[in-house]
Amino acid sequence: MTLCHFIKVTRCHFFAEDSVPRVKEEYFENKRREIVDAAYRVCARKPITSIDMKDIIDEAGFSHGVIYKYYKDLDEVLLDLVRRINEDNRLNDKIISIFGQQDKKNWEEIIRDVCAMLADYMVQVGPDVLKISIYANMMAVSEPERAERIAGKLQKNETSPLIELISVLSVFMKKVVSKNKLKPVKSISKILEYMVAAYHGIQTGYVLSNCYHAEQVTGKYKPKEMFSCLAESVILMINGKE
């Protein structure tokens, strides 16, 4: 064997060995993705609290042995599902764009832009994601310790984009009140709680209207109109007008 031939054989062997872990890693991630996809479909059909691992196994078409190679329990699957949904629906760029206009727009316009963004976000993510969000909130009420355990494993950049928005809004509103010497009808924290409650109310109505076609609400929950009303309500409260 010549030296050149030896080098060629050695390099081929090295790269072949080097590619094996990468292939295994991609295969592993693809399988986990398939399982999370199955969990998404199941969670869009039934409340999270009534789901068990068998539902995910049946939906994915894997055996018990195969699925437990990738996830030790249902909550691990749900954790990755939450990560996927939050990652796919980040609002960072839009938040930066809106609040980067503070020197060009008055604060009332910023509030209106935020609420318009929330309306667009609700339509963009679609009824299935909103339905899963509602089911997650139900779990937080009925199984708070379990919900806290799952949420506690999320990194800061993996949490709901709405949590980041509330944090930014809090700083912005306090600055507005201080700069303009306003006397809001409620504290900023209470106004933000009101916004969150209103968001969940609109979300629930939108899901009922689009997924279940409930007669009482069908066609009545229009995010753009409802978030526009929310914006005006918040502006009045910050201005100190009941």
Protein backbone atom coordinates (compact mmCIF):
# COMPACT_ATOMS: atom_id res chain seq x y z
CA MET A 1 0.00 0.00 0.00
CA THR A 2 1.44 3.35 -1.02
CA LEU A 3 1.50 6.32 1.38
CA CYS A 4 -1.10 8.16 -0.74
CA HIS A 5 -3.39 5.15 -0.71
CA PHE A 6 -2.98 4.82 3.06
CA ILE A 7 -3.90 8.50 3.57
CA LYS A 8 -6.95 8.18 1.31
CA VAL A 9 -8.20 5.07 3.13
CA THR A 10 -7.56 6.66 6.54
CA ARG A 11 -9.45 9.86 5.59
CA CYS A 12 -12.42 7.90 4.27
CA HIS A 13 -12.52 5.87 7.47
CA PHE A 14 -12.29 9.04 9.60
CA PHE A 15 -15.13 10.83 7.84
CA ALA A 16 -17.29 7.72 7.84
CA GLU A 17 -16.81 7.41 11.60
CA ASP A 18 -17.42 11.14 12.05
CA SER A 19 -20.72 11.00 10.13
CA VAL A 20 -22.21 8.19 12.25
CA PRO A 21 -22.97 10.30 15.35
CA ARG A 22 -24.49 13.01 13.14
CA VAL A 23 -26.78 10.50 11.41
CA LYS A 24 -27.79 9.03 14.75
CA GLU A 25 -28.49 12.50 16.14
CA GLU A 26 -30.64 13.47 13.13
CA TYR A 27 -32.54 10.18 13.35
CA PHE A 28 -33.10 10.73 17.07
CA GLU A 29 -34.36 14.28 16.53
CA ASN A 30 -36.63 13.21 13.67
CA LYS A 31 -38.25 10.55 15.85
CA ARG A 32 -38.78 13.04 18.67
CA ARG A 33 -40.28 15.47 16.15
CA GLU A 34 -42.72 12.80 14.96
CA ILE A 35 -43.76 12.14 18.54
CA VAL A 36 -44.29 15.84 19.27
CA ASP A 37 -46.27 16.18 16.01
CA ALA A 38 -48.49 13.33 17.21
CA ALA A 39 -48.89 15.03 20.60
CA TYR A 40 -49.92 18.26 18.86
CA ARG A 41 -52.68 16.46 16.95
CA VAL A 42 -53.94 14.70 20.08
CA CYS A 43 -53.85 17.87 22.21
CA ALA A 44 -55.81 19.74 19.55
CA ARG A 45 -58.59 17.17 19.87
CA LYS A 46 -58.94 16.60 23.61
CA PRO A 47 -58.07 18.27 26.93
CA ILE A 48 -54.50 17.71 28.10
CA THR A 49 -55.70 16.43 31.47
CA SER A 50 -57.54 13.55 29.79
CA ILE A 51 -54.59 12.47 27.62
CA ASP A 52 -52.25 9.60 28.49
CA MET A 53 -49.15 8.20 26.82
CA LYS A 54 -51.20 5.59 24.98
CA ASP A 55 -52.98 8.35 23.05
CA ILE A 56 -49.61 9.64 21.81
CA ILE A 57 -48.37 6.12 21.02
CA ASP A 58 -51.49 5.29 19.00
CA GLU A 59 -51.35 8.61 17.13
CA ALA A 60 -47.63 8.27 16.32
CA GLY A 61 -47.99 4.63 15.29
CA PHE A 62 -45.02 3.57 17.43
CA SER A 63 -44.78 0.72 19.89
CA HIS A 64 -44.47 1.30 23.64
CA GLY A 65 -40.84 0.25 23.53
CA VAL A 66 -39.94 2.66 20.75
CA ILE A 67 -41.62 5.76 22.17
CA TYR A 68 -40.12 5.28 25.64
CA LYS A 69 -36.64 5.31 24.06
CA TYR A 70 -37.20 8.99 23.32
CA TYR A 71 -39.40 10.20 26.20
CA LYS A 72 -39.65 8.83 29.72
CA ASP A 73 -43.20 10.09 30.30
CA LEU A 74 -46.05 12.20 28.91
CA ASP A 75 -44.93 15.40 30.63
CA GLU A 76 -41.60 15.28 28.78
CA VAL A 77 -43.53 15.13 25.51
CA LEU A 78 -45.75 18.04 26.59
CA LEU A 79 -42.67 20.06 27.55
CA ASP A 80 -41.24 19.68 24.04
CA LEU A 81 -44.64 20.49 22.56
CA VAL A 82 -44.75 23.77 24.52
CA ARG A 83 -41.20 24.56 23.39
CA ARG A 84 -42.12 23.91 19.76
CA ILE A 85 -45.28 26.07 19.86
CA ASN A 86 -43.50 28.96 21.58
CA GLU A 87 -40.52 28.79 19.22
CA ASP A 88 -42.75 28.73 16.13
CA ASN A 89 -44.72 31.77 17.31
CA ARG A 90 -42.16 34.18 18.70
CA LEU A 91 -43.02 37.89 18.76
CA ASN A 92 -39.54 39.28 19.43
CA ASP A 93 -39.08 41.10 16.12
CA LYS A 94 -42.57 42.61 16.21
CA ILE A 95 -42.16 43.71 19.83
CA ILE A 96 -38.83 45.36 19.02
CA SER A 97 -40.36 47.05 15.96
CA ILE A 98 -43.36 48.45 17.88
CA PHE A 99 -41.48 49.73 20.92
CA GLY A 100 -38.68 51.05 18.72
CA GLN A 101 -41.19 53.65 17.48
CA GLN A 102 -41.55 55.38 20.86
CA ASP A 103 -39.72 58.50 19.66
CA LYS A 104 -41.90 58.77 16.55
CA LYS A 105 -45.34 57.86 17.91
CA ASN A 106 -47.30 58.89 20.98
CA TRP A 107 -47.91 56.27 23.64
CA GLU A 108 -51.56 55.78 22.71
CA GLU A 109 -50.52 54.67 19.20
CA ILE A 110 -48.04 52.20 20.71
CA ILE A 111 -50.83 50.64 22.79
CA ARG A 112 -53.02 50.39 19.68
CA ASP A 113 -50.15 48.78 17.75
CA VAL A 114 -49.62 46.23 20.52
CA CYS A 115 -53.29 45.25 20.52
CA ALA A 116 -53.33 45.06 16.71
CA MET A 117 -50.30 42.75 16.92
CA LEU A 118 -52.16 40.52 19.40
CA ALA A 119 -55.13 40.31 17.02
CA ASP A 120 -52.82 39.32 14.16
CA TYR A 121 -51.04 36.82 16.44
CA MET A 122 -54.32 35.15 17.40
CA VAL A 123 -55.33 34.70 13.76
CA GLN A 124 -51.80 33.65 12.74
CA VAL A 125 -51.33 30.84 15.28
CA GLY A 126 -54.75 29.45 14.45
CA PRO A 127 -57.52 27.78 16.48
CA ASP A 128 -55.60 24.56 17.20
CA VAL A 129 -52.74 26.30 19.02
CA LEU A 130 -55.24 28.50 20.88
CA LYS A 131 -57.22 25.42 21.85
CA ILE A 132 -54.08 23.76 23.23
CA SER A 133 -53.36 26.97 25.16
CA ILE A 134 -56.84 26.85 26.71
CA TYR A 135 -56.35 23.19 27.64
CA ALA A 136 -52.99 24.09 29.22
CA ASN A 137 -54.70 26.78 31.31
CA MET A 138 -57.26 24.19 32.42
CA MET A 139 -54.42 21.92 33.54
CA ALA A 140 -52.87 24.81 35.48
CA VAL A 141 -56.16 25.09 37.41
CA SER A 142 -56.87 21.39 37.95
CA GLU A 143 -53.26 20.18 38.33
CA PRO A 144 -51.22 23.24 39.37
CA GLU A 145 -48.22 21.32 40.68
CA ARG A 146 -47.90 19.35 37.45
CA ALA A 147 -48.25 22.50 35.34
CA GLU A 148 -45.62 24.30 37.45
CA ARG A 149 -43.27 21.33 37.11
CA ILE A 150 -43.49 21.45 33.32
CA ALA A 151 -43.26 25.26 33.11
CA GLY A 152 -40.33 25.27 35.53
CA LYS A 153 -38.20 23.37 33.00
CA LEU A 154 -38.58 26.04 30.32
CA GLN A 155 -35.64 28.36 29.74
CA LYS A 156 -36.34 32.09 29.56
CA ASN A 157 -36.20 32.06 25.74
CA GLU A 158 -38.61 29.09 25.63
CA THR A 159 -41.52 30.66 27.51
CA SER A 160 -44.67 32.05 25.92
CA PRO A 161 -44.03 35.13 23.75
CA LEU A 162 -46.91 36.80 25.61
CA ILE A 163 -44.94 36.67 28.88
CA GLU A 164 -42.15 38.70 27.30
CA LEU A 165 -44.69 41.18 25.92
CA ILE A 166 -46.24 41.73 29.36
CA SER A 167 -42.79 42.39 30.80
CA VAL A 168 -42.01 44.99 28.11
CA LEU A 169 -45.46 46.58 28.47
CA SER A 170 -45.01 46.94 32.22
CA VAL A 171 -41.82 48.97 31.80
CA PHE A 172 -43.35 51.03 28.99
CA MET A 173 -46.57 51.88 30.85
CA LYS A 174 -44.74 52.91 34.02
CA LYS A 175 -42.51 55.18 31.94
CA VAL A 176 -45.56 56.72 30.24
CA VAL A 177 -47.28 57.41 33.56
CA SER A 178 -44.18 58.98 35.06
CA LYS A 179 -43.27 61.08 32.02
CA ASN A 180 -46.80 62.43 31.47
CA LYS A 181 -47.68 62.72 35.18
CA LEU A 182 -50.79 60.59 34.67
CA LYS A 183 -52.99 59.11 37.36
CA PRO A 184 -54.30 55.77 36.08
CA VAL A 185 -57.59 54.48 37.49
CA LYS A 186 -55.76 51.31 38.57
CA SER A 187 -52.15 50.31 39.13
CA ILE A 188 -50.16 49.23 36.07
CA SER A 189 -50.05 45.65 37.36
CA LYS A 190 -53.87 45.60 37.59
CA ILE A 191 -54.22 47.07 34.09
CA LEU A 192 -51.91 44.35 32.77
CA GLU A 193 -53.95 41.70 34.59
CA TYR A 194 -57.01 43.12 32.88
CA MET A 195 -55.30 42.85 29.50
CA VAL A 196 -54.33 39.23 30.14
CA ALA A 197 -57.86 38.36 31.25
CA ALA A 198 -59.30 40.11 28.17
CA TYR A 199 -56.86 38.24 25.92
CA HIS A 200 -57.94 34.87 27.34
CA GLY A 201 -61.60 35.85 27.00
CA ILE A 202 -61.18 36.80 23.34
CA GLN A 203 -59.14 33.65 22.76
CA THR A 204 -61.85 31.41 24.25
CA GLY A 205 -64.59 33.07 22.20
CA TYR A 206 -62.50 32.83 19.02
CA VAL A 207 -61.93 29.10 19.58
CA LEU A 208 -65.60 28.46 20.36
CA SER A 209 -66.57 30.34 17.23
CA ASN A 210 -64.05 28.69 14.90
CA CYS A 211 -63.68 25.17 16.29
CA TYR A 212 -67.03 24.31 17.83
CA HIS A 213 -69.25 26.75 15.93
CA ALA A 214 -71.18 27.55 19.09
CA GLU A 215 -74.39 29.22 17.99
CA GLN A 216 -74.20 32.00 20.57
CA VAL A 217 -70.75 33.20 19.45
CA THR A 218 -70.33 32.09 15.83
CA GLY A 219 -69.19 35.04 13.76
CA LYS A 220 -69.20 37.39 16.76
CA TYR A 221 -65.58 37.05 17.89
CA LYS A 222 -63.56 39.15 15.48
CA PRO A 223 -60.07 39.63 16.96
CA LYS A 224 -59.27 42.92 15.21
CA GLU A 225 -62.42 44.61 16.47
CA MET A 226 -62.18 43.19 19.98
CA PHE A 227 -58.51 44.04 20.44
CA SER A 228 -59.22 47.53 19.12
CA CYS A 229 -61.79 47.93 21.92
CA LEU A 230 -59.24 46.58 24.40
CA ALA A 231 -56.70 49.17 23.27
CA GLU A 232 -59.12 52.05 23.81
CA SER A 233 -60.09 50.70 27.25
CA VAL A 234 -56.45 50.47 28.32
CA ILE A 235 -55.72 53.99 27.04
CA LEU A 236 -58.65 55.38 29.06
CA MET A 237 -57.51 53.57 32.21
CA ILE A 238 -53.93 54.83 31.90
CA ASN A 239 -55.19 58.35 31.25
CA GLY A 240 -57.22 58.16 34.43
CA LYS A 241 -60.65 58.11 32.82
CA GLU A 242 -63.10 55.46 33.96
